[in-house]
Amino acid sequence: MTVFGSALAARLTIGFVLAYLFGLAFQYFAVAPMRGLSFKDGLVAAAKADTLSLIAYEVGMFAVMAAINLYLLPGLRPTGLSYWVAMQAAMLSGFVTTYPVNWALIRAGVKEAM
């Protein structure tokens, strides 16, 4: 499978969609019962709390994974140790890019402080 002729872009797209769906589900089950919201209102609140945060995280993570895959270690596969080491660096980058977004969402009252 490819997106714009790229297998990497296809993997990143699938990863983003799955992460968004799982993120919405987890956020919904945390927010809706806590606030006593209906299904629709809970889903809207979950989307507000998770959309920008997840996009910021994925931008940081995917940028590092793409750069490593394209320039440092072409052909990374999840079966290799180098992939998982690269993933750790990518996850750290995702944390760095999502931190200010989460801070702003909490400050605006969109997200709950943990």
PDB file of N, CA and C in Angstrom:
ATOM      1  N   MET A   1       0.847  -1.175   0.000  1.00  0.00           N
ATOM      2  CA  MET A   1       0.000   0.000   0.000  1.00  0.00           C
ATOM      3  C   MET A   1       0.894   1.240   0.000  1.00  0.00           C
ATOM      4  N   THR A   2       0.510   2.233  -0.770  1.00  0.00           N
ATOM      5  CA  THR A   2       1.263   3.482  -0.811  1.00  0.00           C
ATOM      6  C   THR A   2       0.303   4.673  -0.749  1.00  0.00           C
ATOM      7  N   VAL A   3       0.814   5.778  -0.264  1.00  0.00           N
ATOM      8  CA  VAL A   3       0.111   7.057  -0.293  1.00  0.00           C
ATOM      9  C   VAL A   3       1.055   8.021  -0.987  1.00  0.00           C
ATOM     10  N   PHE A   4       0.604   8.638  -2.059  1.00  0.00           N
ATOM     11  CA  PHE A   4       1.441   9.496  -2.885  1.00  0.00           C
ATOM     12  C   PHE A   4       2.698   8.760  -3.338  1.00  0.00           C
ATOM     13  N   GLY A   5       2.565   7.463  -3.597  1.00  0.00           N
ATOM     14  CA  GLY A   5       3.684   6.651  -4.065  1.00  0.00           C
ATOM     15  C   GLY A   5       4.681   6.253  -3.000  1.00  0.00           C
ATOM     16  N   SER A   6       4.355   6.462  -1.741  1.00  0.00           N
ATOM     17  CA  SER A   6       5.291   6.182  -0.656  1.00  0.00           C
ATOM     18  C   SER A   6       4.694   5.182   0.335  1.00  0.00           C
ATOM     19  N   ALA A   7       5.427   4.102   0.578  1.00  0.00           N
ATOM     20  CA  ALA A   7       4.998   3.128   1.583  1.00  0.00           C
ATOM     21  C   ALA A   7       5.102   3.734   2.982  1.00  0.00           C
ATOM     22  N   LEU A   8       6.123   4.572   3.208  1.00  0.00           N
ATOM     23  CA  LEU A   8       6.273   5.233   4.505  1.00  0.00           C
ATOM     24  C   LEU A   8       5.075   6.143   4.782  1.00  0.00           C
ATOM     25  N   ALA A   9       4.651   6.907   3.785  1.00  0.00           N
ATOM     26  CA  ALA A   9       3.492   7.791   3.960  1.00  0.00           C
ATOM     27  C   ALA A   9       2.236   6.973   4.261  1.00  0.00           C
ATOM     28  N   ALA A  10       2.108   5.810   3.654  1.00  0.00           N
ATOM     29  CA  ALA A  10       0.959   4.936   3.933  1.00  0.00           C
ATOM     30  C   ALA A  10       0.990   4.455   5.373  1.00  0.00           C
ATOM     31  N   ARG A  11       2.161   4.032   5.852  1.00  0.00           N
ATOM     32  CA  ARG A  11       2.270   3.572   7.243  1.00  0.00           C
ATOM     33  C   ARG A  11       1.977   4.710   8.214  1.00  0.00           C
ATOM     34  N   LEU A  12       2.469   5.905   7.912  1.00  0.00           N
ATOM     35  CA  LEU A  12       2.225   7.044   8.785  1.00  0.00           C
ATOM     36  C   LEU A  12       0.747   7.429   8.783  1.00  0.00           C
ATOM     37  N   THR A  13       0.100   7.363   7.642  1.00  0.00           N
ATOM     38  CA  THR A  13      -1.326   7.679   7.555  1.00  0.00           C
ATOM     39  C   THR A  13      -2.156   6.690   8.358  1.00  0.00           C
ATOM     40  N   ILE A  14      -1.875   5.413   8.187  1.00  0.00           N
ATOM     41  CA  ILE A  14      -2.589   4.379   8.940  1.00  0.00           C
ATOM     42  C   ILE A  14      -2.326   4.560  10.439  1.00  0.00           C
ATOM     43  N   GLY A  15      -1.083   4.829  10.793  1.00  0.00           N
ATOM     44  CA  GLY A  15      -0.736   5.060  12.198  1.00  0.00           C
ATOM     45  C   GLY A  15      -1.481   6.245  12.776  1.00  0.00           C
ATOM     46  N   PHE A  16      -1.598   7.324  12.013  1.00  0.00           N
ATOM     47  CA  PHE A  16      -2.297   8.505  12.494  1.00  0.00           C
ATOM     48  C   PHE A  16      -3.780   8.220  12.707  1.00  0.00           C
ATOM     49  N   VAL A  17      -4.404   7.579  11.735  1.00  0.00           N
ATOM     50  CA  VAL A  17      -5.841   7.283  11.836  1.00  0.00           C
ATOM     51  C   VAL A  17      -6.113   6.386  13.043  1.00  0.00           C
ATOM     52  N   LEU A  18      -5.318   5.345  13.206  1.00  0.00           N
ATOM     53  CA  LEU A  18      -5.516   4.447  14.346  1.00  0.00           C
ATOM     54  C   LEU A  18      -5.269   5.156  15.675  1.00  0.00           C
ATOM     55  N   ALA A  19      -4.210   5.962  15.731  1.00  0.00           N
ATOM     56  CA  ALA A  19      -3.916   6.700  16.961  1.00  0.00           C
ATOM     57  C   ALA A  19      -5.055   7.663  17.291  1.00  0.00           C
ATOM     58  N   TYR A  20      -5.613   8.302  16.278  1.00  0.00           N
ATOM     59  CA  TYR A  20      -6.709   9.243  16.518  1.00  0.00           C
ATOM     60  C   TYR A  20      -7.949   8.523  17.036  1.00  0.00           C
ATOM     61  N   LEU A  21      -8.294   7.395  16.412  1.00  0.00           N
ATOM     62  CA  LEU A  21      -9.473   6.648  16.849  1.00  0.00           C
ATOM     63  C   LEU A  21      -9.304   6.114  18.270  1.00  0.00           C
ATOM     64  N   PHE A  22      -8.134   5.534  18.571  1.00  0.00           N
ATOM     65  CA  PHE A  22      -7.883   5.047  19.932  1.00  0.00           C
ATOM     66  C   PHE A  22      -7.833   6.203  20.927  1.00  0.00           C
ATOM     67  N   GLY A  23      -7.214   7.308  20.530  1.00  0.00           N
ATOM     68  CA  GLY A  23      -7.147   8.482  21.406  1.00  0.00           C
ATOM     69  C   GLY A  23      -8.525   9.026  21.735  1.00  0.00           C
ATOM     70  N   LEU A  24      -9.390   9.109  20.718  1.00  0.00           N
ATOM     71  CA  LEU A  24     -10.761   9.567  20.965  1.00  0.00           C
ATOM     72  C   LEU A  24     -11.497   8.627  21.912  1.00  0.00           C
ATOM     73  N   ALA A  25     -11.337   7.333  21.694  1.00  0.00           N
ATOM     74  CA  ALA A  25     -12.011   6.355  22.557  1.00  0.00           C
ATOM     75  C   ALA A  25     -11.542   6.489  24.000  1.00  0.00           C
ATOM     76  N   PHE A  26     -10.221   6.539  24.200  1.00  0.00           N
ATOM     77  CA  PHE A  26      -9.697   6.656  25.566  1.00  0.00           C
ATOM     78  C   PHE A  26     -10.128   7.965  26.206  1.00  0.00           C
ATOM     79  N   GLN A  27     -10.080   9.040  25.445  1.00  0.00           N
ATOM     80  CA  GLN A  27     -10.469  10.346  25.981  1.00  0.00           C
ATOM     81  C   GLN A  27     -11.968  10.362  26.303  1.00  0.00           C
ATOM     82  N   TYR A  28     -12.785   9.757  25.439  1.00  0.00           N
ATOM     83  CA  TYR A  28     -14.218   9.702  25.682  1.00  0.00           C
ATOM     84  C   TYR A  28     -14.514   8.983  26.996  1.00  0.00           C
ATOM     85  N   PHE A  29     -13.897   7.815  27.189  1.00  0.00           N
ATOM     86  CA  PHE A  29     -14.179   7.043  28.399  1.00  0.00           C
ATOM     87  C   PHE A  29     -13.605   7.687  29.662  1.00  0.00           C
ATOM     88  N   ALA A  30     -12.708   8.631  29.508  1.00  0.00           N
ATOM     89  CA  ALA A  30     -12.206   9.381  30.659  1.00  0.00           C
ATOM     90  C   ALA A  30     -13.076  10.605  30.933  1.00  0.00           C
ATOM     91  N   VAL A  31     -13.512  11.287  29.874  1.00  0.00           N
ATOM     92  CA  VAL A  31     -14.216  12.561  30.022  1.00  0.00           C
ATOM     93  C   VAL A  31     -15.715  12.386  30.267  1.00  0.00           C
ATOM     94  N   ALA A  32     -16.371  11.579  29.466  1.00  0.00           N
ATOM     95  CA  ALA A  32     -17.837  11.473  29.542  1.00  0.00           C
ATOM     96  C   ALA A  32     -18.338  11.046  30.922  1.00  0.00           C
ATOM     97  N   PRO A  33     -17.797   9.969  31.514  1.00  0.00           N
ATOM     98  CA  PRO A  33     -18.306   9.590  32.842  1.00  0.00           C
ATOM     99  C   PRO A  33     -17.970  10.624  33.923  1.00  0.00           C
ATOM    100  N   MET A  34     -16.798  11.239  33.817  1.00  0.00           N
ATOM    101  CA  MET A  34     -16.364  12.204  34.815  1.00  0.00           C
ATOM    102  C   MET A  34     -17.263  13.442  34.812  1.00  0.00           C
ATOM    103  N   ARG A  35     -17.700  13.837  33.630  1.00  0.00           N
ATOM    104  CA  ARG A  35     -18.541  15.034  33.511  1.00  0.00           C
ATOM    105  C   ARG A  35     -20.033  14.710  33.382  1.00  0.00           C
ATOM    106  N   GLY A  36     -20.368  13.423  33.296  1.00  0.00           N
ATOM    107  CA  GLY A  36     -21.768  13.020  33.146  1.00  0.00           C
ATOM    108  C   GLY A  36     -22.362  13.438  31.817  1.00  0.00           C
ATOM    109  N   LEU A  37     -21.611  13.288  30.727  1.00  0.00           N
ATOM    110  CA  LEU A  37     -22.045  13.742  29.409  1.00  0.00           C
ATOM    111  C   LEU A  37     -22.740  12.631  28.627  1.00  0.00           C
ATOM    112  N   SER A  38     -23.601  13.041  27.713  1.00  0.00           N
ATOM    113  CA  SER A  38     -24.233  12.088  26.800  1.00  0.00           C
ATOM    114  C   SER A  38     -23.175  11.589  25.817  1.00  0.00           C
ATOM    115  N   PHE A  39     -23.537  10.601  25.011  1.00  0.00           N
ATOM    116  CA  PHE A  39     -22.579  10.046  24.052  1.00  0.00           C
ATOM    117  C   PHE A  39     -22.061  11.127  23.103  1.00  0.00           C
ATOM    118  N   LYS A  40     -23.000  11.888  22.517  1.00  0.00           N
ATOM    119  CA  LYS A  40     -22.602  12.921  21.544  1.00  0.00           C
ATOM    120  C   LYS A  40     -21.754  14.003  22.200  1.00  0.00           C
ATOM    121  N   ASP A  41     -22.201  14.503  23.340  1.00  0.00           N
ATOM    122  CA  ASP A  41     -21.452  15.559  24.035  1.00  0.00           C
ATOM    123  C   ASP A  41     -20.090  15.043  24.509  1.00  0.00           C
ATOM    124  N   GLY A  42     -20.053  13.786  24.944  1.00  0.00           N
ATOM    125  CA  GLY A  42     -18.793  13.181  25.357  1.00  0.00           C
ATOM    126  C   GLY A  42     -17.820  13.049  24.208  1.00  0.00           C
ATOM    127  N   LEU A  43     -18.340  12.678  23.033  1.00  0.00           N
ATOM    128  CA  LEU A  43     -17.489  12.550  21.851  1.00  0.00           C
ATOM    129  C   LEU A  43     -16.951  13.900  21.414  1.00  0.00           C
ATOM    130  N   VAL A  44     -17.794  14.923  21.477  1.00  0.00           N
ATOM    131  CA  VAL A  44     -17.354  16.283  21.123  1.00  0.00           C
ATOM    132  C   VAL A  44     -16.276  16.754  22.099  1.00  0.00           C
ATOM    133  N   ALA A  45     -16.500  16.531  23.390  1.00  0.00           N
ATOM    134  CA  ALA A  45     -15.504  16.932  24.396  1.00  0.00           C
ATOM    135  C   ALA A  45     -14.201  16.167  24.202  1.00  0.00           C
ATOM    136  N   ALA A  46     -14.295  14.887  23.878  1.00  0.00           N
ATOM    137  CA  ALA A  46     -13.089  14.080  23.637  1.00  0.00           C
ATOM    138  C   ALA A  46     -12.335  14.594  22.419  1.00  0.00           C
ATOM    139  N   ALA A  47     -13.063  14.943  21.366  1.00  0.00           N
ATOM    140  CA  ALA A  47     -12.412  15.464  20.156  1.00  0.00           C
ATOM    141  C   ALA A  47     -11.728  16.796  20.436  1.00  0.00           C
ATOM    142  N   LYS A  48     -12.384  17.655  21.215  1.00  0.00           N
ATOM    143  CA  LYS A  48     -11.769  18.941  21.567  1.00  0.00           C
ATOM    144  C   LYS A  48     -10.502  18.746  22.384  1.00  0.00           C
ATOM    145  N   ALA A  49     -10.537  17.800  23.295  1.00  0.00           N
ATOM    146  CA  ALA A  49      -9.396  17.584  24.185  1.00  0.00           C
ATOM    147  C   ALA A  49      -8.244  16.863  23.498  1.00  0.00           C
ATOM    148  N   ASP A  50      -8.533  16.057  22.484  1.00  0.00           N
ATOM    149  CA  ASP A  50      -7.499  15.188  21.936  1.00  0.00           C
ATOM    150  C   ASP A  50      -6.984  15.576  20.556  1.00  0.00           C
ATOM    151  N   THR A  51      -7.769  16.275  19.753  1.00  0.00           N
ATOM    152  CA  THR A  51      -7.388  16.504  18.357  1.00  0.00           C
ATOM    153  C   THR A  51      -6.079  17.281  18.223  1.00  0.00           C
ATOM    154  N   LEU A  52      -6.011  18.478  18.782  1.00  0.00           N
ATOM    155  CA  LEU A  52      -4.781  19.274  18.641  1.00  0.00           C
ATOM    156  C   LEU A  52      -3.590  18.603  19.317  1.00  0.00           C
ATOM    157  N   SER A  53      -3.847  18.001  20.459  1.00  0.00           N
ATOM    158  CA  SER A  53      -2.792  17.319  21.191  1.00  0.00           C
ATOM    159  C   SER A  53      -2.207  16.171  20.373  1.00  0.00           C
ATOM    160  N   LEU A  54      -3.078  15.368  19.799  1.00  0.00           N
ATOM    161  CA  LEU A  54      -2.608  14.229  19.008  1.00  0.00           C
ATOM    162  C   LEU A  54      -1.891  14.684  17.743  1.00  0.00           C
ATOM    163  N   ILE A  55      -2.417  15.696  17.084  1.00  0.00           N
ATOM    164  CA  ILE A  55      -1.752  16.202  15.878  1.00  0.00           C
ATOM    165  C   ILE A  55      -0.357  16.696  16.216  1.00  0.00           C
ATOM    166  N   ALA A  56      -0.212  17.444  17.299  1.00  0.00           N
ATOM    167  CA  ALA A  56       1.103  17.943  17.703  1.00  0.00           C
ATOM    168  C   ALA A  56       2.057  16.789  18.009  1.00  0.00           C
ATOM    169  N   TYR A  57       1.561  15.784  18.714  1.00  0.00           N
ATOM    170  CA  TYR A  57       2.391  14.621  19.048  1.00  0.00           C
ATOM    171  C   TYR A  57       2.833  13.886  17.789  1.00  0.00           C
ATOM    172  N   GLU A  58       1.888  13.628  16.900  1.00  0.00           N
ATOM    173  CA  GLU A  58       2.207  12.878  15.683  1.00  0.00           C
ATOM    174  C   GLU A  58       3.145  13.655  14.766  1.00  0.00           C
ATOM    175  N   VAL A  59       3.002  14.960  14.700  1.00  0.00           N
ATOM    176  CA  VAL A  59       3.918  15.765  13.878  1.00  0.00           C
ATOM    177  C   VAL A  59       5.347  15.587  14.364  1.00  0.00           C
ATOM    178  N   GLY A  60       5.550  15.709  15.662  1.00  0.00           N
ATOM    179  CA  GLY A  60       6.900  15.524  16.203  1.00  0.00           C
ATOM    180  C   GLY A  60       7.417  14.114  16.021  1.00  0.00           C
ATOM    181  N   MET A  61       6.580  13.139  16.305  1.00  0.00           N
ATOM    182  CA  MET A  61       6.997  11.746  16.203  1.00  0.00           C
ATOM    183  C   MET A  61       7.244  11.338  14.753  1.00  0.00           C
ATOM    184  N   PHE A  62       6.307  11.673  13.866  1.00  0.00           N
ATOM    185  CA  PHE A  62       6.450  11.269  12.468  1.00  0.00           C
ATOM    186  C   PHE A  62       7.614  11.980  11.786  1.00  0.00           C
ATOM    187  N   ALA A  63       7.872  13.223  12.169  1.00  0.00           N
ATOM    188  CA  ALA A  63       8.999  13.942  11.562  1.00  0.00           C
ATOM    189  C   ALA A  63      10.315  13.235  11.869  1.00  0.00           C
ATOM    190  N   VAL A  64      10.481  12.824  13.114  1.00  0.00           N
ATOM    191  CA  VAL A  64      11.720  12.129  13.492  1.00  0.00           C
ATOM    192  C   VAL A  64      11.794  10.760  12.831  1.00  0.00           C
ATOM    193  N   MET A  65      10.691   9.999  12.843  1.00  0.00           N
ATOM    194  CA  MET A  65      10.708   8.675  12.215  1.00  0.00           C
ATOM    195  C   MET A  65      10.973   8.782  10.716  1.00  0.00           C
ATOM    196  N   ALA A  66      10.351   9.755  10.069  1.00  0.00           N
ATOM    197  CA  ALA A  66      10.567   9.937   8.632  1.00  0.00           C
ATOM    198  C   ALA A  66      12.009  10.341   8.344  1.00  0.00           C
ATOM    199  N   ALA A  67      12.547  11.267   9.131  1.00  0.00           N
ATOM    200  CA  ALA A  67      13.927  11.702   8.917  1.00  0.00           C
ATOM    201  C   ALA A  67      14.907  10.547   9.129  1.00  0.00           C
ATOM    202  N   ILE A  68      14.707   9.791  10.171  1.00  0.00           N
ATOM    203  CA  ILE A  68      15.593   8.647  10.427  1.00  0.00           C
ATOM    204  C   ILE A  68      15.469   7.629   9.307  1.00  0.00           C
ATOM    205  N   ASN A  69      14.237   7.349   8.903  1.00  0.00           N
ATOM    206  CA  ASN A  69      14.003   6.351   7.858  1.00  0.00           C
ATOM    207  C   ASN A  69      14.523   6.804   6.490  1.00  0.00           C
ATOM    208  N   LEU A  70      14.407   8.081   6.215  1.00  0.00           N
ATOM    209  CA  LEU A  70      14.828   8.577   4.910  1.00  0.00           C
ATOM    210  C   LEU A  70      16.317   8.874   4.826  1.00  0.00           C
ATOM    211  N   TYR A  71      16.913   9.337   5.920  1.00  0.00           N
ATOM    212  CA  TYR A  71      18.290   9.818   5.840  1.00  0.00           C
ATOM    213  C   TYR A  71      19.319   9.002   6.621  1.00  0.00           C
ATOM    214  N   LEU A  72      18.959   8.476   7.769  1.00  0.00           N
ATOM    215  CA  LEU A  72      19.955   7.785   8.595  1.00  0.00           C
ATOM    216  C   LEU A  72      19.929   6.273   8.435  1.00  0.00           C
ATOM    217  N   LEU A  73      18.764   5.697   8.539  1.00  0.00           N
ATOM    218  CA  LEU A  73      18.627   4.236   8.499  1.00  0.00           C
ATOM    219  C   LEU A  73      17.495   3.843   7.557  1.00  0.00           C
ATOM    220  N   PRO A  74      17.728   3.936   6.245  1.00  0.00           N
ATOM    221  CA  PRO A  74      16.660   3.585   5.302  1.00  0.00           C
ATOM    222  C   PRO A  74      16.220   2.124   5.482  1.00  0.00           C
ATOM    223  N   GLY A  75      14.943   1.904   5.272  1.00  0.00           N
ATOM    224  CA  GLY A  75      14.418   0.555   5.325  1.00  0.00           C
ATOM    225  C   GLY A  75      14.136   0.038   6.724  1.00  0.00           C
ATOM    226  N   LEU A  76      13.878   0.938   7.659  1.00  0.00           N
ATOM    227  CA  LEU A  76      13.551   0.489   9.017  1.00  0.00           C
ATOM    228  C   LEU A  76      12.314  -0.392   9.003  1.00  0.00           C
ATOM    229  N   ARG A  77      12.352  -1.453   9.765  1.00  0.00           N
ATOM    230  CA  ARG A  77      11.208  -2.362   9.904  1.00  0.00           C
ATOM    231  C   ARG A  77      10.986  -2.636  11.389  1.00  0.00           C
ATOM    232  N   PRO A  78       9.727  -2.821  11.804  1.00  0.00           N
ATOM    233  CA  PRO A  78       9.438  -3.079  13.223  1.00  0.00           C
ATOM    234  C   PRO A  78      10.070  -4.357  13.768  1.00  0.00           C
ATOM    235  N   THR A  79      10.642  -5.161  12.931  1.00  0.00           N
ATOM    236  CA  THR A  79      11.281  -6.396  13.398  1.00  0.00           C
ATOM    237  C   THR A  79      12.726  -6.174  13.836  1.00  0.00           C
ATOM    238  N   GLY A  80      13.257  -4.978  13.619  1.00  0.00           N
ATOM    239  CA  GLY A  80      14.651  -4.707  13.963  1.00  0.00           C
ATOM    240  C   GLY A  80      14.805  -3.834  15.193  1.00  0.00           C
ATOM    241  N   LEU A  81      15.886  -4.042  15.912  1.00  0.00           N
ATOM    242  CA  LEU A  81      16.174  -3.251  17.111  1.00  0.00           C
ATOM    243  C   LEU A  81      16.330  -1.771  16.777  1.00  0.00           C
ATOM    244  N   SER A  82      16.938  -1.454  15.637  1.00  0.00           N
ATOM    245  CA  SER A  82      17.147  -0.055  15.273  1.00  0.00           C
ATOM    246  C   SER A  82      15.818   0.692  15.123  1.00  0.00           C
ATOM    247  N   TYR A  83      14.786  -0.001  14.688  1.00  0.00           N
ATOM    248  CA  TYR A  83      13.468   0.614  14.568  1.00  0.00           C
ATOM    249  C   TYR A  83      12.974   1.071  15.936  1.00  0.00           C
ATOM    250  N   TRP A  84      13.106   0.220  16.928  1.00  0.00           N
ATOM    251  CA  TRP A  84      12.589   0.524  18.262  1.00  0.00           C
ATOM    252  C   TRP A  84      13.428   1.576  18.976  1.00  0.00           C
ATOM    253  N   VAL A  85      14.705   1.638  18.691  1.00  0.00           N
ATOM    254  CA  VAL A  85      15.541   2.715  19.224  1.00  0.00           C
ATOM    255  C   VAL A  85      15.118   4.041  18.583  1.00  0.00           C
ATOM    256  N   ALA A  86      14.897   4.009  17.268  1.00  0.00           N
ATOM    257  CA  ALA A  86      14.431   5.207  16.566  1.00  0.00           C
ATOM    258  C   ALA A  86      13.063   5.638  17.091  1.00  0.00           C
ATOM    259  N   MET A  87      12.211   4.669  17.387  1.00  0.00           N
ATOM    260  CA  MET A  87      10.882   4.976  17.895  1.00  0.00           C
ATOM    261  C   MET A  87      10.961   5.696  19.244  1.00  0.00           C
ATOM    262  N   GLN A  88      11.920   5.332  20.067  1.00  0.00           N
ATOM    263  CA  GLN A  88      12.078   6.015  21.359  1.00  0.00           C
ATOM    264  C   GLN A  88      12.432   7.485  21.156  1.00  0.00           C
ATOM    265  N   ALA A  89      13.337   7.755  20.219  1.00  0.00           N
ATOM    266  CA  ALA A  89      13.691   9.143  19.905  1.00  0.00           C
ATOM    267  C   ALA A  89      12.477   9.886  19.341  1.00  0.00           C
ATOM    268  N   ALA A  90      11.709   9.205  18.504  1.00  0.00           N
ATOM    269  CA  ALA A  90      10.525   9.822  17.902  1.00  0.00           C
ATOM    270  C   ALA A  90       9.467  10.127  18.961  1.00  0.00           C
ATOM    271  N   MET A  91       9.289   9.223  19.904  1.00  0.00           N
ATOM    272  CA  MET A  91       8.304   9.449  20.967  1.00  0.00           C
ATOM    273  C   MET A  91       8.722  10.618  21.856  1.00  0.00           C
ATOM    274  N   LEU A  92      10.000  10.741  22.119  1.00  0.00           N
ATOM    275  CA  LEU A  92      10.497  11.881  22.896  1.00  0.00           C
ATOM    276  C   LEU A  92      10.223  13.188  22.142  1.00  0.00           C
ATOM    277  N   SER A  93      10.438  13.161  20.844  1.00  0.00           N
ATOM    278  CA  SER A  93      10.152  14.339  20.022  1.00  0.00           C
ATOM    279  C   SER A  93       8.658  14.668  20.060  1.00  0.00           C
ATOM    280  N   GLY A  94       7.816  13.639  20.013  1.00  0.00           N
ATOM    281  CA  GLY A  94       6.373  13.853  20.111  1.00  0.00           C
ATOM    282  C   GLY A  94       5.987  14.497  21.432  1.00  0.00           C
ATOM    283  N   PHE A  95       6.633  14.064  22.512  1.00  0.00           N
ATOM    284  CA  PHE A  95       6.364  14.669  23.821  1.00  0.00           C
ATOM    285  C   PHE A  95       6.729  16.154  23.799  1.00  0.00           C
ATOM    286  N   VAL A  96       7.868  16.477  23.209  1.00  0.00           N
ATOM    287  CA  VAL A  96       8.325  17.870  23.159  1.00  0.00           C
ATOM    288  C   VAL A  96       7.354  18.733  22.353  1.00  0.00           C
ATOM    289  N   THR A  97       6.833  18.206  21.245  1.00  0.00           N
ATOM    290  CA  THR A  97       5.927  19.008  20.417  1.00  0.00           C
ATOM    291  C   THR A  97       4.517  19.098  20.992  1.00  0.00           C
ATOM    292  N   THR A  98       4.104  18.117  21.787  1.00  0.00           N
ATOM    293  CA  THR A  98       2.747  18.153  22.324  1.00  0.00           C
ATOM    294  C   THR A  98       2.645  18.859  23.678  1.00  0.00           C
ATOM    295  N   TYR A  99       3.746  18.997  24.391  1.00  0.00           N
ATOM    296  CA  TYR A  99       3.717  19.606  25.719  1.00  0.00           C
ATOM    297  C   TYR A  99       3.103  21.008  25.715  1.00  0.00           C
ATOM    298  N   PRO A 100       3.554  21.913  24.847  1.00  0.00           N
ATOM    299  CA  PRO A 100       2.955  23.256  24.883  1.00  0.00           C
ATOM    300  C   PRO A 100       1.481  23.259  24.472  1.00  0.00           C
ATOM    301  N   VAL A 101       1.097  22.351  23.596  1.00  0.00           N
ATOM    302  CA  VAL A 101      -0.301  22.276  23.176  1.00  0.00           C
ATOM    303  C   VAL A 101      -1.165  21.806  24.351  1.00  0.00           C
ATOM    304  N   ASN A 102      -0.710  20.768  25.046  1.00  0.00           N
ATOM    305  CA  ASN A 102      -1.465  20.284  26.206  1.00  0.00           C
ATOM    306  C   ASN A 102      -1.533  21.342  27.295  1.00  0.00           C
ATOM    307  N   TRP A 103      -0.457  22.042  27.498  1.00  0.00           N
ATOM    308  CA  TRP A 103      -0.438  23.117  28.500  1.00  0.00           C
ATOM    309  C   TRP A 103      -1.493  24.173  28.163  1.00  0.00           C
ATOM    310  N   ALA A 104      -1.560  24.560  26.887  1.00  0.00           N
ATOM    311  CA  ALA A 104      -2.534  25.565  26.464  1.00  0.00           C
ATOM    312  C   ALA A 104      -3.969  25.032  26.584  1.00  0.00           C
ATOM    313  N   LEU A 105      -4.184  23.769  26.245  1.00  0.00           N
ATOM    314  CA  LEU A 105      -5.525  23.185  26.347  1.00  0.00           C
ATOM    315  C   LEU A 105      -5.981  23.095  27.800  1.00  0.00           C
ATOM    316  N   ILE A 106      -5.084  22.762  28.688  1.00  0.00           N
ATOM    317  CA  ILE A 106      -5.425  22.711  30.115  1.00  0.00           C
ATOM    318  C   ILE A 106      -5.719  24.114  30.627  1.00  0.00           C
ATOM    319  N   ARG A 107      -4.895  25.045  30.242  1.00  0.00           N
ATOM    320  CA  ARG A 107      -5.083  26.440  30.690  1.00  0.00           C
ATOM    321  C   ARG A 107      -6.397  27.017  30.187  1.00  0.00           C
ATOM    322  N   ALA A 108      -6.816  26.591  28.961  1.00  0.00           N
ATOM    323  CA  ALA A 108      -8.077  27.084  28.388  1.00  0.00           C
ATOM    324  C   ALA A 108      -9.291  26.330  28.939  1.00  0.00           C
ATOM    325  N   GLY A 109      -9.041  25.292  29.742  1.00  0.00           N
ATOM    326  CA  GLY A 109     -10.149  24.528  30.315  1.00  0.00           C
ATOM    327  C   GLY A 109     -10.728  23.476  29.394  1.00  0.00           C
ATOM    328  N   VAL A 110     -10.065  23.213  28.273  1.00  0.00           N
ATOM    329  CA  VAL A 110     -10.534  22.193  27.330  1.00  0.00           C
ATOM    330  C   VAL A 110     -10.166  20.808  27.816  1.00  0.00           C
ATOM    331  N   LYS A 111      -9.014  20.702  28.444  1.00  0.00           N
ATOM    332  CA  LYS A 111      -8.494  19.430  28.935  1.00  0.00           C
ATOM    333  C   LYS A 111      -8.370  19.493  30.453  1.00  0.00           C
ATOM    334  N   GLU A 112      -8.491  18.344  31.080  1.00  0.00           N
ATOM    335  CA  GLU A 112      -8.340  18.274  32.536  1.00  0.00           C
ATOM    336  C   GLU A 112      -6.882  18.078  32.913  1.00  0.00           C
ATOM    337  N   ALA A 113      -6.423  18.767  33.933  1.00  0.00           N
ATOM    338  CA  ALA A 113      -5.074  18.563  34.444  1.00  0.00           C
ATOM    339  C   ALA A 113      -5.035  17.226  35.178  1.00  0.00           C
ATOM    340  N   MET A 114      -3.946  16.515  35.010  1.00  0.00           N
ATOM    341  CA  MET A 114      -3.816  15.202  35.671  1.00  0.00           C
ATOM    342  C   MET A 114      -2.852  15.300  36.824  1.00  0.00           C
TER     343      MET A 114
END
